[in-house]
Amino acid sequence: FMSLVFPHVRIWLKTATDLWEAVIIYCFMVLILQYCGGESACVTAIARHPASIPHAFPLNFCLPRIPTTGSFLKSCKRWTIQFVVVKPIMAVLTLLVALFGHSDNVPWK
């Protein structure tokens, strides 16, 4: 909404939104792990009660179920940390490219 009202600051708002999104995703991951009693408690509970998760429709018809193991939790944590690191870097790079005018085809112009 703010980008529509103030189009001249759209790039700054988009960058701030991307940075805040990375912070929120990381905080949510930490919150979920703390609700479960910590990462080691999650891994222990998953090891005691192994299960699997189906893929979303229509991929559930052609892909096997995803086993939930300790390595699954570590992979989810690794992917989350990767997002939290890459998202702000790309947001700042996009801002720099836009500010220095090295991009002719930017969506916020």
N, C-alpha and C. Protein backbone atom coordinates (compact mmCIF):
# COMPACT_ATOMS: atom_id res chain seq x y z
N PHE A 1 0.82 -1.19 0.00
CA PHE A 1 0.00 0.00 0.00
C PHE A 1 0.87 1.26 0.00
N MET A 2 1.89 1.26 0.85
CA MET A 2 2.76 2.43 0.94
C MET A 2 3.50 2.69 -0.38
N SER A 3 3.83 1.62 -1.10
CA SER A 3 4.51 1.78 -2.39
C SER A 3 3.61 2.44 -3.42
N LEU A 4 2.32 2.22 -3.30
CA LEU A 4 1.38 2.87 -4.22
C LEU A 4 1.17 4.34 -3.88
N VAL A 5 1.18 4.64 -2.60
CA VAL A 5 0.97 6.02 -2.16
C VAL A 5 2.23 6.86 -2.39
N PHE A 6 3.39 6.26 -2.12
CA PHE A 6 4.67 6.96 -2.26
C PHE A 6 5.57 6.20 -3.24
N PRO A 7 5.32 6.31 -4.55
CA PRO A 7 6.10 5.53 -5.52
C PRO A 7 7.57 5.89 -5.59
N HIS A 8 7.94 7.08 -5.16
CA HIS A 8 9.33 7.50 -5.22
C HIS A 8 10.21 6.80 -4.17
N VAL A 9 9.62 6.20 -3.16
CA VAL A 9 10.39 5.48 -2.14
C VAL A 9 10.13 3.97 -2.21
N ARG A 10 9.60 3.52 -3.33
CA ARG A 10 9.23 2.11 -3.48
C ARG A 10 10.43 1.18 -3.27
N ILE A 11 11.58 1.51 -3.83
CA ILE A 11 12.75 0.64 -3.71
C ILE A 11 13.22 0.54 -2.26
N TRP A 12 13.13 1.63 -1.52
CA TRP A 12 13.52 1.60 -0.11
C TRP A 12 12.55 0.76 0.71
N LEU A 13 11.26 0.88 0.41
CA LEU A 13 10.27 0.08 1.12
C LEU A 13 10.42 -1.41 0.81
N LYS A 14 10.71 -1.73 -0.45
CA LYS A 14 10.90 -3.13 -0.84
C LYS A 14 12.13 -3.71 -0.14
N THR A 15 13.20 -2.95 -0.06
CA THR A 15 14.40 -3.42 0.63
C THR A 15 14.13 -3.63 2.11
N ALA A 16 13.46 -2.69 2.74
CA ALA A 16 13.13 -2.83 4.16
C ALA A 16 12.22 -4.03 4.39
N THR A 17 11.28 -4.26 3.49
CA THR A 17 10.38 -5.42 3.60
C THR A 17 11.16 -6.72 3.49
N ASP A 18 12.09 -6.79 2.55
CA ASP A 18 12.89 -8.01 2.39
C ASP A 18 13.76 -8.27 3.61
N LEU A 19 14.37 -7.23 4.16
CA LEU A 19 15.19 -7.41 5.36
C LEU A 19 14.34 -7.86 6.55
N TRP A 20 13.17 -7.25 6.71
CA TRP A 20 12.30 -7.61 7.82
C TRP A 20 11.76 -9.03 7.66
N GLU A 21 11.49 -9.43 6.43
CA GLU A 21 11.02 -10.79 6.17
C GLU A 21 12.05 -11.82 6.60
N ALA A 22 13.32 -11.56 6.33
CA ALA A 22 14.37 -12.48 6.74
C ALA A 22 14.45 -12.58 8.27
N VAL A 23 14.31 -11.46 8.95
CA VAL A 23 14.33 -11.47 10.42
C VAL A 23 13.15 -12.27 10.96
N ILE A 24 11.97 -12.06 10.41
CA ILE A 24 10.77 -12.75 10.89
C ILE A 24 10.87 -14.26 10.65
N ILE A 25 11.37 -14.67 9.49
CA ILE A 25 11.51 -16.10 9.21
C ILE A 25 12.46 -16.76 10.21
N TYR A 26 13.58 -16.09 10.49
CA TYR A 26 14.53 -16.65 11.45
C TYR A 26 13.90 -16.72 12.85
N CYS A 27 13.22 -15.66 13.27
CA CYS A 27 12.57 -15.66 14.59
C CYS A 27 11.51 -16.75 14.68
N PHE A 28 10.78 -16.98 13.60
CA PHE A 28 9.76 -18.03 13.60
C PHE A 28 10.41 -19.41 13.74
N MET A 29 11.51 -19.64 13.05
CA MET A 29 12.20 -20.92 13.17
C MET A 29 12.68 -21.14 14.61
N VAL A 30 13.27 -20.12 15.21
CA VAL A 30 13.74 -20.23 16.59
C VAL A 30 12.57 -20.47 17.53
N LEU A 31 11.46 -19.78 17.31
CA LEU A 31 10.27 -19.95 18.16
C LEU A 31 9.74 -21.38 18.09
N ILE A 32 9.63 -21.92 16.87
CA ILE A 32 9.11 -23.28 16.71
C ILE A 32 10.03 -24.28 17.39
N LEU A 33 11.34 -24.11 17.20
CA LEU A 33 12.27 -25.03 17.86
C LEU A 33 12.20 -24.92 19.37
N GLN A 34 12.00 -23.71 19.90
CA GLN A 34 11.89 -23.54 21.34
C GLN A 34 10.58 -24.14 21.89
N TYR A 35 9.49 -24.01 21.13
CA TYR A 35 8.24 -24.64 21.55
C TYR A 35 8.37 -26.15 21.62
N CYS A 36 9.21 -26.70 20.75
CA CYS A 36 9.42 -28.15 20.75
C CYS A 36 10.43 -28.60 21.80
N GLY A 37 11.01 -27.66 22.53
CA GLY A 37 11.96 -28.02 23.56
C GLY A 37 13.41 -27.94 23.11
N GLY A 38 13.66 -27.32 22.00
CA GLY A 38 15.02 -27.21 21.47
C GLY A 38 15.23 -28.17 20.31
N GLU A 39 16.34 -27.97 19.61
CA GLU A 39 16.60 -28.79 18.43
C GLU A 39 16.84 -30.24 18.79
N SER A 40 17.58 -30.50 19.87
CA SER A 40 17.86 -31.89 20.24
C SER A 40 16.59 -32.63 20.67
N ALA A 41 15.69 -31.93 21.35
CA ALA A 41 14.42 -32.56 21.73
C ALA A 41 13.58 -32.87 20.50
N CYS A 42 13.61 -31.99 19.52
CA CYS A 42 12.88 -32.25 18.27
C CYS A 42 13.43 -33.48 17.56
N VAL A 43 14.76 -33.55 17.47
CA VAL A 43 15.39 -34.69 16.80
C VAL A 43 15.07 -35.98 17.54
N THR A 44 15.09 -35.95 18.86
CA THR A 44 14.76 -37.12 19.66
C THR A 44 13.31 -37.55 19.46
N ALA A 45 12.39 -36.59 19.46
CA ALA A 45 10.97 -36.90 19.27
C ALA A 45 10.71 -37.46 17.87
N ILE A 46 11.38 -36.90 16.88
CA ILE A 46 11.22 -37.39 15.51
C ILE A 46 11.78 -38.79 15.38
N ALA A 47 12.90 -39.06 16.05
CA ALA A 47 13.51 -40.39 15.99
C ALA A 47 12.62 -41.43 16.68
N ARG A 48 11.94 -41.02 17.74
CA ARG A 48 11.04 -41.95 18.45
C ARG A 48 9.80 -42.28 17.65
N HIS A 49 9.29 -41.31 16.90
CA HIS A 49 8.05 -41.49 16.14
C HIS A 49 8.29 -41.12 14.68
N PRO A 50 8.97 -41.97 13.93
CA PRO A 50 9.23 -41.63 12.53
C PRO A 50 7.93 -41.61 11.72
N ALA A 51 7.88 -40.70 10.79
CA ALA A 51 6.69 -40.56 9.94
C ALA A 51 7.15 -40.04 8.59
N SER A 52 6.19 -39.70 7.77
CA SER A 52 6.52 -39.10 6.48
C SER A 52 5.43 -38.10 6.12
N ILE A 53 5.81 -37.15 5.29
CA ILE A 53 4.91 -36.07 4.87
C ILE A 53 4.68 -36.19 3.37
N PRO A 54 3.43 -36.16 2.93
CA PRO A 54 3.20 -36.19 1.48
C PRO A 54 3.51 -34.84 0.85
N HIS A 55 3.86 -34.86 -0.41
CA HIS A 55 4.05 -33.62 -1.16
C HIS A 55 2.68 -32.98 -1.41
N ALA A 56 2.69 -31.71 -1.75
CA ALA A 56 1.45 -31.00 -2.05
C ALA A 56 0.87 -31.50 -3.37
N PHE A 57 -0.44 -31.39 -3.51
CA PHE A 57 -1.12 -31.78 -4.74
C PHE A 57 -0.62 -30.93 -5.89
N PRO A 58 -0.40 -31.41 -7.01
CA PRO A 58 -0.49 -32.74 -7.59
C PRO A 58 0.82 -33.53 -7.52
N LEU A 59 1.83 -32.97 -6.85
CA LEU A 59 3.12 -33.66 -6.78
C LEU A 59 3.04 -34.94 -5.95
N ASN A 60 2.03 -35.07 -5.11
CA ASN A 60 1.91 -36.27 -4.29
C ASN A 60 1.64 -37.52 -5.13
N PHE A 61 1.22 -37.35 -6.38
CA PHE A 61 0.98 -38.50 -7.25
C PHE A 61 2.26 -39.02 -7.90
N CYS A 62 3.28 -38.19 -8.04
CA CYS A 62 4.48 -38.62 -8.76
C CYS A 62 5.74 -38.60 -7.91
N LEU A 63 5.73 -38.00 -6.74
CA LEU A 63 6.91 -37.97 -5.88
C LEU A 63 6.68 -38.79 -4.62
N PRO A 64 7.72 -39.43 -4.10
CA PRO A 64 7.55 -40.21 -2.88
C PRO A 64 7.34 -39.31 -1.66
N ARG A 65 6.82 -39.88 -0.61
CA ARG A 65 6.62 -39.13 0.63
C ARG A 65 7.97 -38.71 1.20
N ILE A 66 7.98 -37.62 1.95
CA ILE A 66 9.20 -37.09 2.54
C ILE A 66 9.35 -37.69 3.94
N PRO A 67 10.41 -38.47 4.17
CA PRO A 67 10.58 -39.02 5.52
C PRO A 67 11.03 -37.94 6.49
N THR A 68 10.40 -37.91 7.66
CA THR A 68 10.81 -36.95 8.68
C THR A 68 11.77 -37.64 9.62
N THR A 69 13.02 -37.29 9.48
CA THR A 69 14.09 -37.83 10.32
C THR A 69 14.87 -36.65 10.90
N GLY A 70 15.88 -36.96 11.67
CA GLY A 70 16.72 -35.91 12.21
C GLY A 70 17.39 -35.10 11.11
N SER A 71 17.76 -35.77 10.03
CA SER A 71 18.39 -35.05 8.92
C SER A 71 17.39 -34.13 8.22
N PHE A 72 16.11 -34.49 8.24
CA PHE A 72 15.08 -33.63 7.66
C PHE A 72 15.01 -32.30 8.43
N LEU A 73 15.04 -32.39 9.75
CA LEU A 73 14.99 -31.18 10.56
C LEU A 73 16.23 -30.32 10.33
N LYS A 74 17.38 -30.95 10.23
CA LYS A 74 18.61 -30.20 9.99
C LYS A 74 18.60 -29.57 8.60
N SER A 75 18.02 -30.26 7.62
CA SER A 75 17.91 -29.70 6.28
C SER A 75 16.97 -28.49 6.28
N CYS A 76 15.86 -28.58 6.98
CA CYS A 76 14.93 -27.45 7.07
C CYS A 76 15.61 -26.25 7.74
N LYS A 77 16.38 -26.52 8.78
CA LYS A 77 17.10 -25.45 9.46
C LYS A 77 18.15 -24.84 8.53
N ARG A 78 18.87 -25.68 7.80
CA ARG A 78 19.89 -25.20 6.86
C ARG A 78 19.25 -24.33 5.77
N TRP A 79 18.11 -24.77 5.23
CA TRP A 79 17.43 -24.01 4.18
C TRP A 79 16.93 -22.67 4.71
N THR A 80 16.46 -22.67 5.94
CA THR A 80 15.99 -21.42 6.55
C THR A 80 17.14 -20.45 6.75
N ILE A 81 18.26 -20.94 7.27
CA ILE A 81 19.42 -20.08 7.47
C ILE A 81 19.92 -19.56 6.13
N GLN A 82 19.90 -20.40 5.10
CA GLN A 82 20.32 -19.96 3.77
C GLN A 82 19.43 -18.83 3.28
N PHE A 83 18.12 -18.96 3.46
CA PHE A 83 17.19 -17.90 3.07
C PHE A 83 17.48 -16.62 3.84
N VAL A 84 17.71 -16.75 5.14
CA VAL A 84 17.93 -15.60 6.00
C VAL A 84 19.21 -14.87 5.62
N VAL A 85 20.19 -15.56 5.09
CA VAL A 85 21.44 -14.93 4.67
C VAL A 85 21.31 -14.36 3.25
N VAL A 86 20.74 -15.13 2.33
CA VAL A 86 20.71 -14.73 0.93
C VAL A 86 19.71 -13.59 0.68
N LYS A 87 18.57 -13.62 1.32
CA LYS A 87 17.53 -12.61 1.07
C LYS A 87 18.01 -11.18 1.34
N PRO A 88 18.63 -10.89 2.49
CA PRO A 88 19.10 -9.52 2.70
C PRO A 88 20.24 -9.12 1.75
N ILE A 89 21.11 -10.06 1.43
CA ILE A 89 22.19 -9.75 0.49
C ILE A 89 21.62 -9.36 -0.86
N MET A 90 20.66 -10.12 -1.35
CA MET A 90 20.06 -9.82 -2.65
C MET A 90 19.25 -8.51 -2.60
N ALA A 91 18.62 -8.24 -1.47
CA ALA A 91 17.86 -6.99 -1.34
C ALA A 91 18.80 -5.79 -1.40
N VAL A 92 19.92 -5.86 -0.72
CA VAL A 92 20.88 -4.75 -0.73
C VAL A 92 21.51 -4.62 -2.11
N LEU A 93 21.84 -5.74 -2.76
CA LEU A 93 22.40 -5.66 -4.11
C LEU A 93 21.41 -5.04 -5.09
N THR A 94 20.15 -5.40 -4.97
CA THR A 94 19.12 -4.81 -5.82
C THR A 94 19.01 -3.31 -5.59
N LEU A 95 19.08 -2.91 -4.35
CA LEU A 95 19.04 -1.49 -4.02
C LEU A 95 20.24 -0.76 -4.62
N LEU A 96 21.43 -1.33 -4.50
CA LEU A 96 22.62 -0.70 -5.04
C LEU A 96 22.57 -0.60 -6.56
N VAL A 97 22.11 -1.65 -7.21
CA VAL A 97 21.99 -1.62 -8.67
C VAL A 97 21.01 -0.54 -9.10
N ALA A 98 19.91 -0.43 -8.40
CA ALA A 98 18.90 0.58 -8.74
C ALA A 98 19.43 1.99 -8.47
N LEU A 99 20.14 2.17 -7.36
CA LEU A 99 20.62 3.51 -7.02
C LEU A 99 21.70 4.00 -7.97
N PHE A 100 22.56 3.10 -8.42
CA PHE A 100 23.63 3.50 -9.32
C PHE A 100 23.22 3.45 -10.79
N GLY A 101 21.97 3.08 -11.06
CA GLY A 101 21.43 3.15 -12.41
C GLY A 101 22.02 2.15 -13.39
N HIS A 102 22.46 1.01 -12.90
CA HIS A 102 23.03 -0.01 -13.79
C HIS A 102 22.00 -0.99 -14.31
N SER A 103 20.77 -0.74 -14.04
CA SER A 103 19.71 -1.66 -14.51
C SER A 103 18.68 -0.85 -15.29
N ASP A 104 18.49 -1.24 -16.54
CA ASP A 104 17.50 -0.54 -17.36
C ASP A 104 16.11 -1.12 -17.20
N ASN A 105 16.02 -2.37 -16.75
CA ASN A 105 14.75 -3.06 -16.66
C ASN A 105 14.45 -3.42 -15.21
N VAL A 106 14.07 -2.42 -14.44
CA VAL A 106 13.74 -2.66 -13.04
C VAL A 106 12.23 -2.51 -12.85
N PRO A 107 11.63 -3.39 -12.05
CA PRO A 107 10.17 -3.38 -11.93
C PRO A 107 9.59 -2.20 -11.17
N TRP A 108 10.39 -1.46 -10.43
CA TRP A 108 9.83 -0.39 -9.61
C TRP A 108 9.85 0.97 -10.29
N LYS A 109 10.31 1.04 -11.53
CA LYS A 109 10.31 2.33 -12.24
C LYS A 109 8.97 2.59 -12.88
